[in-house]
PDB file of N, CA and C in Angstrom:
ATOM      1  N   MET A   1     -40.747  -3.551 -87.498  1.00  0.00           N
ATOM      2  CA  MET A   1     -41.314  -4.600 -87.531  1.00  0.00           C
ATOM      3  C   MET A   1     -43.007  -4.467 -88.644  1.00  0.00           C
ATOM      4  N   THR A   2     -43.293  -5.233 -89.468  1.00  0.00           N
ATOM      5  CA  THR A   2     -44.917  -5.085 -89.752  1.00  0.00           C
ATOM      6  C   THR A   2     -45.258  -6.506 -90.619  1.00  0.00           C
ATOM      7  N   ILE A   3     -46.791  -6.713 -90.377  1.00  0.00           N
ATOM      8  CA  ILE A   3     -47.538  -7.446 -91.018  1.00  0.00           C
ATOM      9  C   ILE A   3     -47.961  -7.118 -92.372  1.00  0.00           C
ATOM     10  N   ASN A   4     -46.979  -8.078 -93.554  1.00  0.00           N
ATOM     11  CA  ASN A   4     -47.194  -7.790 -94.770  1.00  0.00           C
ATOM     12  C   ASN A   4     -48.336  -8.806 -95.001  1.00  0.00           C
ATOM     13  N   THR A   5     -49.754  -8.542 -95.643  1.00  0.00           N
ATOM     14  CA  THR A   5     -50.878  -9.317 -96.363  1.00  0.00           C
ATOM     15  C   THR A   5     -50.327  -9.598 -97.618  1.00  0.00           C
ATOM     16  N   LYS A   6     -49.860  -8.664 -98.102  1.00  0.00           N
ATOM     17  CA  LYS A   6     -49.724  -9.010 -99.865  1.00  0.00           C
ATOM     18  C   LYS A   6     -48.365  -9.465-100.059  1.00  0.00           C
ATOM     19  N   LYS A   7     -48.309 -10.073-101.582  1.00  0.00           N
ATOM     20  CA  LYS A   7     -47.289 -10.545-102.056  1.00  0.00           C
ATOM     21  C   LYS A   7     -45.877  -9.542-101.895  1.00  0.00           C
ATOM     22  N   ALA A   8     -44.730  -9.949-101.396  1.00  0.00           N
ATOM     23  CA  ALA A   8     -44.032  -8.332-101.755  1.00  0.00           C
ATOM     24  C   ALA A   8     -42.255  -9.450-101.721  1.00  0.00           C
ATOM     25  N   HIS A   9     -41.727  -8.649-102.717  1.00  0.00           N
ATOM     26  CA  HIS A   9     -39.927  -9.011-102.589  1.00  0.00           C
ATOM     27  C   HIS A   9     -39.074  -8.253-101.703  1.00  0.00           C
ATOM     28  N   THR A  10     -38.528  -8.507-100.763  1.00  0.00           N
ATOM     29  CA  THR A  10     -37.287  -8.000-100.362  1.00  0.00           C
ATOM     30  C   THR A  10     -36.100  -8.384-100.680  1.00  0.00           C
ATOM     31  N   ASN A  11     -34.731  -7.267 -99.949  1.00  0.00           N
ATOM     32  CA  ASN A  11     -33.634  -7.458-100.396  1.00  0.00           C
ATOM     33  C   ASN A  11     -33.054  -8.221 -99.388  1.00  0.00           C
ATOM     34  N   GLN A  12     -31.542  -8.639 -99.521  1.00  0.00           N
ATOM     35  CA  GLN A  12     -30.754  -9.085 -98.701  1.00  0.00           C
ATOM     36  C   GLN A  12     -31.014  -8.911 -97.028  1.00  0.00           C
ATOM     37  N   GLN A  13     -31.054  -7.375 -96.746  1.00  0.00           N
ATOM     38  CA  GLN A  13     -30.658  -7.111 -95.569  1.00  0.00           C
ATOM     39  C   GLN A  13     -32.308  -6.952 -94.888  1.00  0.00           C
ATOM     40  N   ILE A  14     -33.346  -8.005 -95.323  1.00  0.00           N
ATOM     41  CA  ILE A  14     -34.823  -7.675 -94.470  1.00  0.00           C
ATOM     42  C   ILE A  14     -34.867  -9.607 -94.240  1.00  0.00           C
ATOM     43  N   ASN A  15     -35.076  -9.649 -93.175  1.00  0.00           N
ATOM     44  CA  ASN A  15     -35.228 -10.992 -92.889  1.00  0.00           C
ATOM     45  C   ASN A  15     -36.982 -10.773 -92.609  1.00  0.00           C
ATOM     46  N   SER A  16     -37.033 -12.132 -93.206  1.00  0.00           N
ATOM     47  CA  SER A  16     -38.668 -12.395 -93.448  1.00  0.00           C
ATOM     48  C   SER A  16     -39.146 -13.489 -92.579  1.00  0.00           C
ATOM     49  N   ILE A  17     -40.652 -13.297 -92.223  1.00  0.00           N
ATOM     50  CA  ILE A  17     -40.996 -14.803 -91.491  1.00  0.00           C
ATOM     51  C   ILE A  17     -42.447 -15.028 -92.618  1.00  0.00           C
ATOM     52  N   ILE A  18     -42.124 -16.264 -93.331  1.00  0.00           N
ATOM     53  CA  ILE A  18     -43.205 -16.535 -93.895  1.00  0.00           C
ATOM     54  C   ILE A  18     -44.362 -17.802 -93.325  1.00  0.00           C
ATOM     55  N   LEU A  19     -45.613 -17.555 -93.152  1.00  0.00           N
ATOM     56  CA  LEU A  19     -46.192 -18.458 -92.191  1.00  0.00           C
ATOM     57  C   LEU A  19     -47.097 -19.023 -92.941  1.00  0.00           C
ATOM     58  N   TYR A  20     -46.911 -20.619 -92.977  1.00  0.00           N
ATOM     59  CA  TYR A  20     -47.822 -21.238 -93.764  1.00  0.00           C
ATOM     60  C   TYR A  20     -49.208 -21.363 -93.078  1.00  0.00           C
ATOM     61  N   ASP A  21     -49.499 -21.243 -91.659  1.00  0.00           N
ATOM     62  CA  ASP A  21     -50.787 -21.312 -91.017  1.00  0.00           C
ATOM     63  C   ASP A  21     -50.615 -19.872 -90.530  1.00  0.00           C
ATOM     64  N   ASN A  22     -51.564 -19.114 -90.816  1.00  0.00           N
ATOM     65  CA  ASN A  22     -51.870 -17.813 -89.854  1.00  0.00           C
ATOM     66  C   ASN A  22     -52.805 -17.794 -88.541  1.00  0.00           C
ATOM     67  N   LYS A  23     -52.482 -19.232 -88.017  1.00  0.00           N
ATOM     68  CA  LYS A  23     -52.761 -19.163 -86.612  1.00  0.00           C
ATOM     69  C   LYS A  23     -51.994 -18.906 -85.530  1.00  0.00           C
ATOM     70  N   TYR A  24     -50.754 -18.472 -86.078  1.00  0.00           N
ATOM     71  CA  TYR A  24     -49.821 -17.943 -85.279  1.00  0.00           C
ATOM     72  C   TYR A  24     -49.444 -16.640 -85.443  1.00  0.00           C
ATOM     73  N   LEU A  25     -49.924 -16.049 -86.532  1.00  0.00           N
ATOM     74  CA  LEU A  25     -49.380 -14.580 -86.760  1.00  0.00           C
ATOM     75  C   LEU A  25     -49.455 -13.755 -85.554  1.00  0.00           C
ATOM     76  N   GLU A  26     -50.767 -13.504 -84.970  1.00  0.00           N
ATOM     77  CA  GLU A  26     -50.817 -12.293 -83.859  1.00  0.00           C
ATOM     78  C   GLU A  26     -49.800 -12.632 -83.023  1.00  0.00           C
ATOM     79  N   TYR A  27     -49.756 -14.104 -82.179  1.00  0.00           N
ATOM     80  CA  TYR A  27     -48.870 -14.249 -80.993  1.00  0.00           C
ATOM     81  C   TYR A  27     -47.415 -14.389 -81.752  1.00  0.00           C
ATOM     82  N   LEU A  28     -47.039 -14.527 -83.020  1.00  0.00           N
ATOM     83  CA  LEU A  28     -45.234 -14.583 -83.542  1.00  0.00           C
ATOM     84  C   LEU A  28     -45.085 -13.059 -83.697  1.00  0.00           C
ATOM     85  N   PHE A  29     -45.846 -12.156 -83.884  1.00  0.00           N
ATOM     86  CA  PHE A  29     -45.933 -11.151 -84.245  1.00  0.00           C
ATOM     87  C   PHE A  29     -45.590 -10.267 -83.080  1.00  0.00           C
ATOM     88  N   PHE A  30     -46.210 -10.021 -81.762  1.00  0.00           N
ATOM     89  CA  PHE A  30     -46.078  -9.708 -80.353  1.00  0.00           C
ATOM     90  C   PHE A  30     -44.830 -10.617 -80.002  1.00  0.00           C
ATOM     91  N   LYS A  31     -44.467 -11.948 -80.199  1.00  0.00           N
ATOM     92  CA  LYS A  31     -43.115 -12.290 -79.479  1.00  0.00           C
ATOM     93  C   LYS A  31     -42.124 -11.776 -80.021  1.00  0.00           C
ATOM     94  N   ILE A  32     -42.226 -11.826 -81.248  1.00  0.00           N
ATOM     95  CA  ILE A  32     -40.988 -11.032 -82.499  1.00  0.00           C
ATOM     96  C   ILE A  32     -40.954  -9.561 -81.842  1.00  0.00           C
ATOM     97  N   LYS A  33     -41.939  -9.053 -81.848  1.00  0.00           N
ATOM     98  CA  LYS A  33     -41.943  -7.443 -81.111  1.00  0.00           C
ATOM     99  C   LYS A  33     -41.069  -7.433 -79.952  1.00  0.00           C
ATOM    100  N   GLY A  34     -41.308  -8.121 -79.185  1.00  0.00           N
ATOM    101  CA  GLY A  34     -40.846  -7.900 -77.902  1.00  0.00           C
ATOM    102  C   GLY A  34     -39.370  -8.511 -77.890  1.00  0.00           C
ATOM    103  N   LEU A  35     -38.899  -9.139 -78.687  1.00  0.00           N
ATOM    104  CA  LEU A  35     -37.734  -9.482 -78.744  1.00  0.00           C
ATOM    105  C   LEU A  35     -36.164  -8.453 -79.426  1.00  0.00           C
ATOM    106  N   TYR A  36     -37.320  -7.533 -79.697  1.00  0.00           N
ATOM    107  CA  TYR A  36     -36.693  -6.443 -80.073  1.00  0.00           C
ATOM    108  C   TYR A  36     -35.039  -5.771 -80.073  1.00  0.00           C
ATOM    109  N   GLU A  37     -35.033  -5.472 -78.359  1.00  0.00           N
ATOM    110  CA  GLU A  37     -33.499  -5.579 -77.758  1.00  0.00           C
ATOM    111  C   GLU A  37     -32.643  -6.359 -77.721  1.00  0.00           C
ATOM    112  N   TYR A  38     -33.021  -7.570 -78.094  1.00  0.00           N
ATOM    113  CA  TYR A  38     -32.407  -8.892 -78.423  1.00  0.00           C
ATOM    114  C   TYR A  38     -31.555  -8.800 -80.095  1.00  0.00           C
ATOM    115  N   LEU A  39     -32.950  -8.519 -80.674  1.00  0.00           N
ATOM    116  CA  LEU A  39     -32.305  -8.555 -82.009  1.00  0.00           C
ATOM    117  C   LEU A  39     -31.353  -7.396 -82.496  1.00  0.00           C
ATOM    118  N   GLN A  40     -31.404  -6.147 -81.145  1.00  0.00           N
ATOM    119  CA  GLN A  40     -30.547  -4.994 -81.443  1.00  0.00           C
ATOM    120  C   GLN A  40     -29.433  -5.477 -80.957  1.00  0.00           C
ATOM    121  N   LEU A  41     -29.193  -6.182 -80.165  1.00  0.00           N
ATOM    122  CA  LEU A  41     -27.963  -6.824 -79.534  1.00  0.00           C
ATOM    123  C   LEU A  41     -27.090  -7.772 -80.797  1.00  0.00           C
ATOM    124  N   LEU A  42     -27.769  -8.360 -81.235  1.00  0.00           N
ATOM    125  CA  LEU A  42     -27.277  -9.198 -82.352  1.00  0.00           C
ATOM    126  C   LEU A  42     -27.078  -9.203 -83.786  1.00  0.00           C
ATOM    127  N   GLY A  43     -27.879  -7.128 -83.985  1.00  0.00           N
ATOM    128  CA  GLY A  43     -27.678  -7.016 -85.080  1.00  0.00           C
ATOM    129  C   GLY A  43     -26.298  -6.100 -85.303  1.00  0.00           C
ATOM    130  N   SER A  44     -26.162  -5.756 -86.550  1.00  0.00           N
ATOM    131  CA  SER A  44     -24.698  -4.315 -87.017  1.00  0.00           C
ATOM    132  C   SER A  44     -25.505  -3.400 -86.997  1.00  0.00           C
ATOM    133  N   GLY A  45     -24.816  -2.447 -87.095  1.00  0.00           N
ATOM    134  CA  GLY A  45     -24.846  -0.774 -87.280  1.00  0.00           C
ATOM    135  C   GLY A  45     -25.161   0.213 -86.395  1.00  0.00           C
ATOM    136  N   GLY A  46     -25.539   1.100 -86.398  1.00  0.00           N
ATOM    137  CA  GLY A  46     -25.766   2.161 -85.632  1.00  0.00           C
ATOM    138  C   GLY A  46     -27.287   2.098 -84.458  1.00  0.00           C
ATOM    139  N   THR A  47     -27.467   2.814 -83.872  1.00  0.00           N
ATOM    140  CA  THR A  47     -28.440   2.688 -82.500  1.00  0.00           C
ATOM    141  C   THR A  47     -29.822   2.953 -83.285  1.00  0.00           C
ATOM    142  N   THR A  48     -30.188   3.360 -83.853  1.00  0.00           N
ATOM    143  CA  THR A  48     -31.256   3.578 -84.836  1.00  0.00           C
ATOM    144  C   THR A  48     -31.725   2.363 -85.470  1.00  0.00           C
ATOM    145  N   THR A  49     -30.654   2.355 -86.580  1.00  0.00           N
ATOM    146  CA  THR A  49     -30.749   1.051 -87.581  1.00  0.00           C
ATOM    147  C   THR A  49     -29.723   0.142 -87.587  1.00  0.00           C
ATOM    148  N   PHE A  50     -29.908  -1.073 -87.511  1.00  0.00           N
ATOM    149  CA  PHE A  50     -29.047  -2.314 -87.358  1.00  0.00           C
ATOM    150  C   PHE A  50     -29.964  -3.573 -88.133  1.00  0.00           C
ATOM    151  N   ASN A  51     -28.614  -4.379 -88.213  1.00  0.00           N
ATOM    152  CA  ASN A  51     -28.807  -5.659 -89.186  1.00  0.00           C
ATOM    153  C   ASN A  51     -28.732  -6.569 -88.710  1.00  0.00           C
ATOM    154  N   VAL A  52     -29.757  -7.717 -88.896  1.00  0.00           N
ATOM    155  CA  VAL A  52     -29.180  -9.038 -87.934  1.00  0.00           C
ATOM    156  C   VAL A  52     -29.405 -10.093 -89.456  1.00  0.00           C
ATOM    157  N   ASN A  53     -27.579 -10.568 -89.694  1.00  0.00           N
ATOM    158  CA  ASN A  53     -27.627 -11.365 -90.945  1.00  0.00           C
ATOM    159  C   ASN A  53     -28.561 -12.515 -90.854  1.00  0.00           C
ATOM    160  N   THR A  54     -28.823 -13.024 -91.689  1.00  0.00           N
ATOM    161  CA  THR A  54     -29.749 -14.128 -92.391  1.00  0.00           C
ATOM    162  C   THR A  54     -29.827 -14.865 -91.486  1.00  0.00           C
ATOM    163  N   LYS A  55     -28.257 -15.384 -91.508  1.00  0.00           N
ATOM    164  CA  LYS A  55     -27.990 -17.049 -90.247  1.00  0.00           C
ATOM    165  C   LYS A  55     -28.146 -17.051 -88.948  1.00  0.00           C
ATOM    166  N   THR A  56     -27.915 -15.411 -88.873  1.00  0.00           N
ATOM    167  CA  THR A  56     -28.049 -15.281 -87.202  1.00  0.00           C
ATOM    168  C   THR A  56     -29.801 -15.581 -86.749  1.00  0.00           C
ATOM    169  N   PHE A  57     -30.739 -14.583 -87.996  1.00  0.00           N
ATOM    170  CA  PHE A  57     -31.635 -14.697 -87.783  1.00  0.00           C
ATOM    171  C   PHE A  57     -32.707 -15.738 -87.853  1.00  0.00           C
ATOM    172  N   SER A  58     -31.902 -16.397 -88.549  1.00  0.00           N
ATOM    173  CA  SER A  58     -33.008 -18.330 -88.780  1.00  0.00           C
ATOM    174  C   SER A  58     -32.818 -18.982 -87.463  1.00  0.00           C
ATOM    175  N   ASN A  59     -31.263 -18.662 -86.853  1.00  0.00           N
ATOM    176  CA  ASN A  59     -30.603 -19.344 -85.669  1.00  0.00           C
ATOM    177  C   ASN A  59     -32.086 -19.135 -84.334  1.00  0.00           C
ATOM    178  N   ILE A  60     -32.500 -18.036 -84.365  1.00  0.00           N
ATOM    179  CA  ILE A  60     -33.435 -17.324 -82.935  1.00  0.00           C
ATOM    180  C   ILE A  60     -34.231 -18.443 -82.923  1.00  0.00           C
ATOM    181  N   GLU A  61     -34.484 -18.944 -81.463  1.00  0.00           N
ATOM    182  CA  GLU A  61     -35.551 -20.243 -81.031  1.00  0.00           C
ATOM    183  C   GLU A  61     -36.674 -19.150 -80.265  1.00  0.00           C
ATOM    184  N   ILE A  62     -38.116 -19.473 -80.942  1.00  0.00           N
ATOM    185  CA  ILE A  62     -39.177 -18.681 -80.514  1.00  0.00           C
ATOM    186  C   ILE A  62     -39.789 -20.398 -79.369  1.00  0.00           C
ATOM    187  N   ILE A  63     -40.499 -19.956 -78.763  1.00  0.00           N
ATOM    188  CA  ILE A  63     -40.835 -21.195 -77.692  1.00  0.00           C
ATOM    189  C   ILE A  63     -42.701 -20.781 -77.853  1.00  0.00           C
ATOM    190  N   MET A  64     -43.127 -21.664 -78.354  1.00  0.00           N
ATOM    191  CA  MET A  64     -44.025 -21.587 -79.017  1.00  0.00           C
ATOM    192  C   MET A  64     -45.294 -22.652 -78.019  1.00  0.00           C
ATOM    193  N   PRO A  65     -46.363 -21.625 -77.418  1.00  0.00           N
ATOM    194  CA  PRO A  65     -47.343 -22.401 -76.459  1.00  0.00           C
ATOM    195  C   PRO A  65     -47.742 -23.817 -77.035  1.00  0.00           C
ATOM    196  N   GLU A  66     -48.627 -24.086 -76.213  1.00  0.00           N
ATOM    197  CA  GLU A  66     -49.744 -25.241 -76.647  1.00  0.00           C
ATOM    198  C   GLU A  66     -50.445 -24.677 -78.003  1.00  0.00           C
ATOM    199  N   LEU A  67     -51.172 -25.145 -78.710  1.00  0.00           N
ATOM    200  CA  LEU A  67     -51.743 -24.674 -79.575  1.00  0.00           C
ATOM    201  C   LEU A  67     -52.925 -24.166 -78.940  1.00  0.00           C
ATOM    202  N   LYS A  68     -53.426 -25.194 -78.226  1.00  0.00           N
ATOM    203  CA  LYS A  68     -55.102 -24.212 -77.034  1.00  0.00           C
ATOM    204  C   LYS A  68     -54.942 -23.209 -76.561  1.00  0.00           C
ATOM    205  N   ILE A  69     -53.771 -23.029 -76.019  1.00  0.00           N
ATOM    206  CA  ILE A  69     -53.415 -21.469 -75.290  1.00  0.00           C
ATOM    207  C   ILE A  69     -53.669 -20.321 -76.734  1.00  0.00           C
ATOM    208  N   ILE A  70     -52.613 -20.694 -77.456  1.00  0.00           N
ATOM    209  CA  ILE A  70     -52.714 -19.759 -78.697  1.00  0.00           C
ATOM    210  C   ILE A  70     -54.017 -19.644 -78.916  1.00  0.00           C
ATOM    211  N   ALA A  71     -54.911 -20.916 -79.292  1.00  0.00           N
ATOM    212  CA  ALA A  71     -56.161 -20.332 -79.716  1.00  0.00           C
ATOM    213  C   ALA A  71     -56.947 -19.262 -78.760  1.00  0.00           C
ATOM    214  N   LYS A  72     -56.588 -19.357 -77.317  1.00  0.00           N
ATOM    215  CA  LYS A  72     -57.571 -18.479 -76.663  1.00  0.00           C
ATOM    216  C   LYS A  72     -56.893 -16.927 -76.663  1.00  0.00           C
ATOM    217  N   TYR A  73     -55.313 -17.070 -77.131  1.00  0.00           N
ATOM    218  CA  TYR A  73     -54.984 -15.794 -76.835  1.00  0.00           C
ATOM    219  C   TYR A  73     -55.292 -15.102 -78.482  1.00  0.00           C
ATOM    220  N   HIS A  74     -55.373 -15.866 -79.290  1.00  0.00           N
ATOM    221  CA  HIS A  74     -56.484 -14.878 -80.421  1.00  0.00           C
ATOM    222  C   HIS A  74     -57.463 -14.874 -80.241  1.00  0.00           C
ATOM    223  N   GLN A  75     -58.352 -15.473 -79.492  1.00  0.00           N
ATOM    224  CA  GLN A  75     -59.823 -15.194 -78.973  1.00  0.00           C
ATOM    225  C   GLN A  75     -59.892 -14.065 -78.874  1.00  0.00           C
ATOM    226  N   ILE A  76     -58.637 -13.224 -78.210  1.00  0.00           N
ATOM    227  CA  ILE A  76     -58.587 -12.170 -77.653  1.00  0.00           C
ATOM    228  C   ILE A  76     -58.293 -11.337 -78.565  1.00  0.00           C
ATOM    229  N   VAL A  77     -57.040 -11.030 -78.713  1.00  0.00           N
ATOM    230  CA  VAL A  77     -56.286 -10.344 -79.853  1.00  0.00           C
ATOM    231  C   VAL A  77     -56.542 -10.535 -80.958  1.00  0.00           C
ATOM    232  N   LYS A  78     -57.342 -11.357 -81.792  1.00  0.00           N
ATOM    233  CA  LYS A  78     -57.375 -10.926 -83.373  1.00  0.00           C
ATOM    234  C   LYS A  78     -58.385 -10.178 -83.626  1.00  0.00           C
ATOM    235  N   PRO A  79     -59.732  -9.567 -82.897  1.00  0.00           N
ATOM    236  CA  PRO A  79     -60.384  -8.486 -83.283  1.00  0.00           C
ATOM    237  C   PRO A  79     -59.822  -7.122 -82.779  1.00  0.00           C
ATOM    238  N   ILE A  80     -58.678  -7.669 -81.747  1.00  0.00           N
ATOM    239  CA  ILE A  80     -58.475  -5.624 -81.733  1.00  0.00           C
ATOM    240  C   ILE A  80     -57.149  -5.627 -83.313  1.00  0.00           C
ATOM    241  N   PHE A  81     -56.329  -6.789 -83.698  1.00  0.00           N
ATOM    242  CA  PHE A  81     -55.636  -6.566 -84.545  1.00  0.00           C
ATOM    243  C   PHE A  81     -56.636  -6.326 -86.318  1.00  0.00           C
ATOM    244  N   ARG A  82     -57.977  -7.000 -86.402  1.00  0.00           N
ATOM    245  CA  ARG A  82     -59.058  -6.819 -87.506  1.00  0.00           C
ATOM    246  C   ARG A  82     -59.022  -4.990 -87.112  1.00  0.00           C
ATOM    247  N   LYS A  83     -59.254  -4.389 -85.991  1.00  0.00           N
ATOM    248  CA  LYS A  83     -59.908  -3.308 -85.943  1.00  0.00           C
ATOM    249  C   LYS A  83     -58.324  -2.084 -86.443  1.00  0.00           C
ATOM    250  N   ILE A  84     -57.650  -2.415 -86.013  1.00  0.00           N
ATOM    251  CA  ILE A  84     -56.350  -1.910 -86.034  1.00  0.00           C
ATOM    252  C   ILE A  84     -56.335  -1.850 -87.949  1.00  0.00           C
ATOM    253  N   GLU A  85     -56.774  -2.777 -88.363  1.00  0.00           N
ATOM    254  CA  GLU A  85     -56.499  -2.927 -90.078  1.00  0.00           C
ATOM    255  C   GLU A  85     -57.417  -2.048 -90.114  1.00  0.00           C
ATOM    256  N   LEU A  86     -59.103  -2.038 -90.131  1.00  0.00           N
ATOM    257  CA  LEU A  86     -59.825  -1.331 -90.482  1.00  0.00           C
ATOM    258  C   LEU A  86     -59.670   0.016 -89.873  1.00  0.00           C
ATOM    259  N   ASN A  87     -59.003   0.540 -88.902  1.00  0.00           N
ATOM    260  CA  ASN A  87     -58.713   1.861 -88.975  1.00  0.00           C
ATOM    261  C   ASN A  87     -57.497   2.793 -89.638  1.00  0.00           C
ATOM    262  N   TYR A  88     -56.656   1.859 -90.333  1.00  0.00           N
ATOM    263  CA  TYR A  88     -55.687   1.835 -91.328  1.00  0.00           C
ATOM    264  C   TYR A  88     -56.825   1.876 -92.398  1.00  0.00           C
ATOM    265  N   SER A  89     -57.115   1.422 -92.849  1.00  0.00           N
ATOM    266  CA  SER A  89     -57.488   1.808 -94.249  1.00  0.00           C
ATOM    267  C   SER A  89     -58.850   2.809 -94.199  1.00  0.00           C
ATOM    268  N   GLN A  90     -59.143   3.014 -92.894  1.00  0.00           N
ATOM    269  CA  GLN A  90     -59.823   4.715 -93.237  1.00  0.00           C
ATOM    270  C   GLN A  90     -58.932   5.685 -93.237  1.00  0.00           C
ATOM    271  N   ILE A  91     -57.845   5.707 -92.203  1.00  0.00           N
ATOM    272  CA  ILE A  91     -57.412   6.619 -92.267  1.00  0.00           C
ATOM    273  C   ILE A  91     -56.721   6.946 -93.972  1.00  0.00           C
ATOM    274  N   GLN A  92     -56.264   5.312 -94.150  1.00  0.00           N
ATOM    275  CA  GLN A  92     -55.782   5.876 -95.577  1.00  0.00           C
ATOM    276  C   GLN A  92     -57.084   6.756 -97.145  1.00  0.00           C
ATOM    277  N   THR A  93     -57.985   6.011 -96.319  1.00  0.00           N
ATOM    278  CA  THR A  93     -59.248   6.334 -97.563  1.00  0.00           C
ATOM    279  C   THR A  93     -59.204   8.349 -96.849  1.00  0.00           C
ATOM    280  N   LEU A  94     -59.303   8.477 -95.958  1.00  0.00           N
ATOM    281  CA  LEU A  94     -59.118   9.685 -95.246  1.00  0.00           C
ATOM    282  C   LEU A  94     -58.319  10.915 -95.658  1.00  0.00           C
ATOM    283  N   THR A  95     -57.290  10.202 -95.672  1.00  0.00           N
ATOM    284  CA  THR A  95     -56.041  11.192 -96.440  1.00  0.00           C
ATOM    285  C   THR A  95     -56.280  11.004 -97.630  1.00  0.00           C
ATOM    286  N   LYS A  96     -56.482  10.365 -98.666  1.00  0.00           N
ATOM    287  CA  LYS A  96     -56.459  10.500 -99.858  1.00  0.00           C
ATOM    288  C   LYS A  96     -57.772  11.521-100.167  1.00  0.00           C
ATOM    289  N   THR A  97     -58.910  11.899 -99.531  1.00  0.00           N
ATOM    290  CA  THR A  97     -59.898  12.616 -99.340  1.00  0.00           C
ATOM    291  C   THR A  97     -59.409  13.945 -99.092  1.00  0.00           C
ATOM    292  N   ARG A  98     -58.703  14.027 -98.420  1.00  0.00           N
ATOM    293  CA  ARG A  98     -57.853  15.049 -97.519  1.00  0.00           C
ATOM    294  C   ARG A  98     -56.997  16.182 -98.958  1.00  0.00           C
ATOM    295  N   ASP A  99     -56.276  15.179 -98.723  1.00  0.00           N
ATOM    296  CA  ASP A  99     -55.455  15.683-100.602  1.00  0.00           C
ATOM    297  C   ASP A  99     -56.027  16.033-101.683  1.00  0.00           C
ATOM    298  N   ALA A 100     -56.858  15.526-101.488  1.00  0.00           N
ATOM    299  CA  ALA A 100     -57.841  15.545-102.851  1.00  0.00           C
ATOM    300  C   ALA A 100     -58.782  17.199-102.945  1.00  0.00           C
ATOM    301  N   LEU A 101     -59.474  17.347-101.509  1.00  0.00           N
ATOM    302  CA  LEU A 101     -59.949  18.381-101.030  1.00  0.00           C
ATOM    303  C   LEU A 101     -59.399  19.214-100.915  1.00  0.00           C
ATOM    304  N   LEU A 102     -58.306  19.709 -99.777  1.00  0.00           N
ATOM    305  CA  LEU A 102     -57.465  20.403 -99.492  1.00  0.00           C
ATOM    306  C   LEU A 102     -57.471  21.617-100.549  1.00  0.00           C
ATOM    307  N   PRO A 103     -56.322  20.996-101.516  1.00  0.00           N
ATOM    308  CA  PRO A 103     -56.260  22.363-102.518  1.00  0.00           C
ATOM    309  C   PRO A 103     -57.346  22.675-103.123  1.00  0.00           C
ATOM    310  N   LYS A 104     -58.402  22.437-103.127  1.00  0.00           N
ATOM    311  CA  LYS A 104     -59.433  23.009-103.654  1.00  0.00           C
ATOM    312  C   LYS A 104     -59.793  24.169-102.967  1.00  0.00           C
ATOM    313  N   LEU A 105     -60.148  23.586-101.849  1.00  0.00           N
ATOM    314  CA  LEU A 105     -60.105  24.654-100.994  1.00  0.00           C
ATOM    315  C   LEU A 105     -59.595  25.919-100.573  1.00  0.00           C
ATOM    316  N   MET A 106     -58.069  25.545-100.695  1.00  0.00           N
ATOM    317  CA  MET A 106     -57.259  26.577-100.783  1.00  0.00           C
ATOM    318  C   MET A 106     -57.535  27.440-101.651  1.00  0.00           C
ATOM    319  N   SER A 107     -57.494  27.273-102.736  1.00  0.00           N
ATOM    320  CA  SER A 107     -57.825  27.628-103.901  1.00  0.00           C
ATOM    321  C   SER A 107     -59.187  28.505-104.548  1.00  0.00           C
ATOM    322  N   GLY A 108     -60.076  28.155-103.744  1.00  0.00           N
ATOM    323  CA  GLY A 108     -61.618  28.231-103.653  1.00  0.00           C
ATOM    324  C   GLY A 108     -62.134  27.945-104.725  1.00  0.00           C
ATOM    325  N   GLN A 109     -61.483  26.898-105.205  1.00  0.00           N
ATOM    326  CA  GLN A 109     -62.443  25.927-106.122  1.00  0.00           C
ATOM    327  C   GLN A 109     -63.620  25.442-105.767  1.00  0.00           C
ATOM    328  N   ILE A 110     -63.675  25.107-104.241  1.00  0.00           N
ATOM    329  CA  ILE A 110     -65.015  24.363-104.096  1.00  0.00           C
ATOM    330  C   ILE A 110     -65.021  25.179-102.570  1.00  0.00           C
ATOM    331  N   ARG A 111     -66.277  25.690-101.866  1.00  0.00           N
ATOM    332  CA  ARG A 111     -66.438  26.242-100.851  1.00  0.00           C
ATOM    333  C   ARG A 111     -67.091  25.586 -99.555  1.00  0.00           C
ATOM    334  N   VAL A 112     -67.247  25.734 -98.487  1.00  0.00           N
ATOM    335  CA  VAL A 112     -67.732  25.107 -97.703  1.00  0.00           C
ATOM    336  C   VAL A 112     -69.285  26.011 -96.793  1.00  0.00           C
ATOM    337  N   LYS A 113     -70.246  25.709 -97.176  1.00  0.00           N
ATOM    338  CA  LYS A 113     -71.091  26.164 -96.712  1.00  0.00           C
ATOM    339  C   LYS A 113     -71.264  26.339 -94.727  1.00  0.00           C
ATOM    340  N   GLU A 114     -71.487  27.506 -94.441  1.00  0.00           N
ATOM    341  CA  GLU A 114     -71.806  28.227 -93.170  1.00  0.00           C
ATOM    342  C   GLU A 114     -72.951  27.113 -92.704  1.00  0.00           C
TER     343      GLU A 114
END
């Protein structure tokens, strides 16, 4: 399961939930993540890869707490999500930097002063 913040296309084997109001984002992420074993039972396929058809997926009911409870929940969780996003972005930057520098270091094209 993932949160996609960019426009994307999926095929018929990927179920998507499109939120029109992001105030439920973090709550729904963890709620659905908590349904993993249930989704596995609903799906068909092997033990590591399973597929829940669109009809079955769209019939799953999710209980939503009152908006004020979700708001309190998000006050706690939202900063954690933002930190995760920032860390992910930094990891991507560091990975690109490593991938650019490592071949140059290995070939002797650049050196590190002691």
